[in-house]
Amino acid sequence: MGAGREKRDHMTISSLHHINIQTSKLEETRDFYERVLGLYVGARPEFGEEGYWLFVPGTDQPVVHLDRK
């Protein structure tokens, strides 16, 4: 450890329901998550604004919500 740093116990998470990302590059961001992480675009309620819900293959739970900034 670096000078002046104490060892501390850290909290950990056991799961993450979803994250919301606002971006001005909506299509590019969707493409990244599809190509790099293998997520797919699934059903999303109509919120009156552009966006996507991205799902892990084999699940029915959206893990990334994308909205136009």
Protein backbone atom coordinates (compact mmCIF):
# COMPACT_ATOMS: atom_id res chain seq x y z
CA MET A 1 0.00 0.00 0.00
CA GLY A 2 1.07 3.56 -0.60
CA ALA A 3 2.33 5.82 2.14
CA GLY A 4 -0.39 7.16 4.37
CA ARG A 5 -2.97 4.62 3.26
CA GLU A 6 -4.58 2.32 5.76
CA LYS A 7 -5.94 -1.07 4.91
CA ARG A 8 -9.73 -0.94 5.09
CA ASP A 9 -12.46 -3.45 4.62
CA HIS A 10 -14.50 -2.50 1.56
CA MET A 11 -18.13 -3.10 0.85
CA THR A 12 -18.82 -5.39 -2.06
CA ILE A 13 -21.91 -5.94 -4.15
CA SER A 14 -23.43 -9.30 -4.93
CA SER A 15 -25.51 -8.13 -7.89
CA LEU A 16 -26.32 -5.11 -10.00
CA HIS A 17 -29.86 -4.68 -11.31
CA HIS A 18 -29.14 -2.14 -14.04
CA ILE A 19 -27.41 1.09 -14.92
CA ASN A 20 -28.72 4.10 -16.82
CA ILE A 21 -26.43 5.86 -19.27
CA GLN A 22 -27.30 9.18 -20.89
CA THR A 23 -25.36 9.86 -24.06
CA SER A 24 -25.37 12.21 -27.01
CA LYS A 25 -24.04 9.29 -29.10
CA LEU A 26 -26.95 6.91 -28.64
CA GLU A 27 -26.42 4.69 -31.69
CA GLU A 28 -22.66 4.45 -31.20
CA THR A 29 -23.11 3.55 -27.52
CA ARG A 30 -25.72 0.87 -28.35
CA ASP A 31 -23.40 -0.54 -30.99
CA PHE A 32 -20.52 -0.72 -28.48
CA TYR A 33 -22.56 -2.68 -25.93
CA GLU A 34 -23.86 -5.04 -28.60
CA ARG A 35 -20.47 -5.71 -30.24
CA VAL A 36 -18.13 -5.67 -27.25
CA LEU A 37 -20.31 -7.06 -24.45
CA GLY A 38 -22.74 -9.12 -26.52
CA LEU A 39 -25.86 -7.45 -25.14
CA TYR A 40 -29.00 -7.25 -27.27
CA VAL A 41 -31.75 -4.64 -27.64
CA GLY A 42 -34.98 -5.80 -26.04
CA ALA A 43 -38.44 -4.47 -25.26
CA ARG A 44 -38.62 -1.01 -23.71
CA PRO A 45 -41.69 0.95 -22.63
CA GLU A 46 -42.50 4.06 -24.65
CA PHE A 47 -41.15 6.97 -22.62
CA GLY A 48 -41.57 9.63 -25.31
CA GLU A 49 -37.82 9.88 -25.88
CA GLU A 50 -35.24 7.84 -27.74
CA GLY A 51 -33.47 5.08 -25.91
CA TYR A 52 -32.72 1.37 -25.62
CA TRP A 53 -32.81 -1.33 -22.99
CA LEU A 54 -30.00 -3.81 -23.42
CA PHE A 55 -30.22 -7.37 -22.15
CA VAL A 56 -27.78 -10.17 -21.42
CA PRO A 57 -28.45 -13.05 -23.83
CA GLY A 58 -30.55 -15.77 -22.24
CA THR A 59 -32.20 -13.41 -19.74
CA ASP A 60 -35.27 -11.23 -19.65
CA GLN A 61 -33.69 -8.60 -17.41
CA PRO A 62 -32.39 -5.36 -18.91
CA VAL A 63 -28.98 -4.48 -17.47
CA VAL A 64 -28.16 -1.28 -19.37
CA HIS A 65 -30.64 1.52 -20.06
CA LEU A 66 -29.51 3.99 -22.71
CA ASP A 67 -31.13 7.41 -23.09
CA ARG A 68 -30.32 10.31 -25.40
CA LYS A 69 -28.76 13.18 -23.53
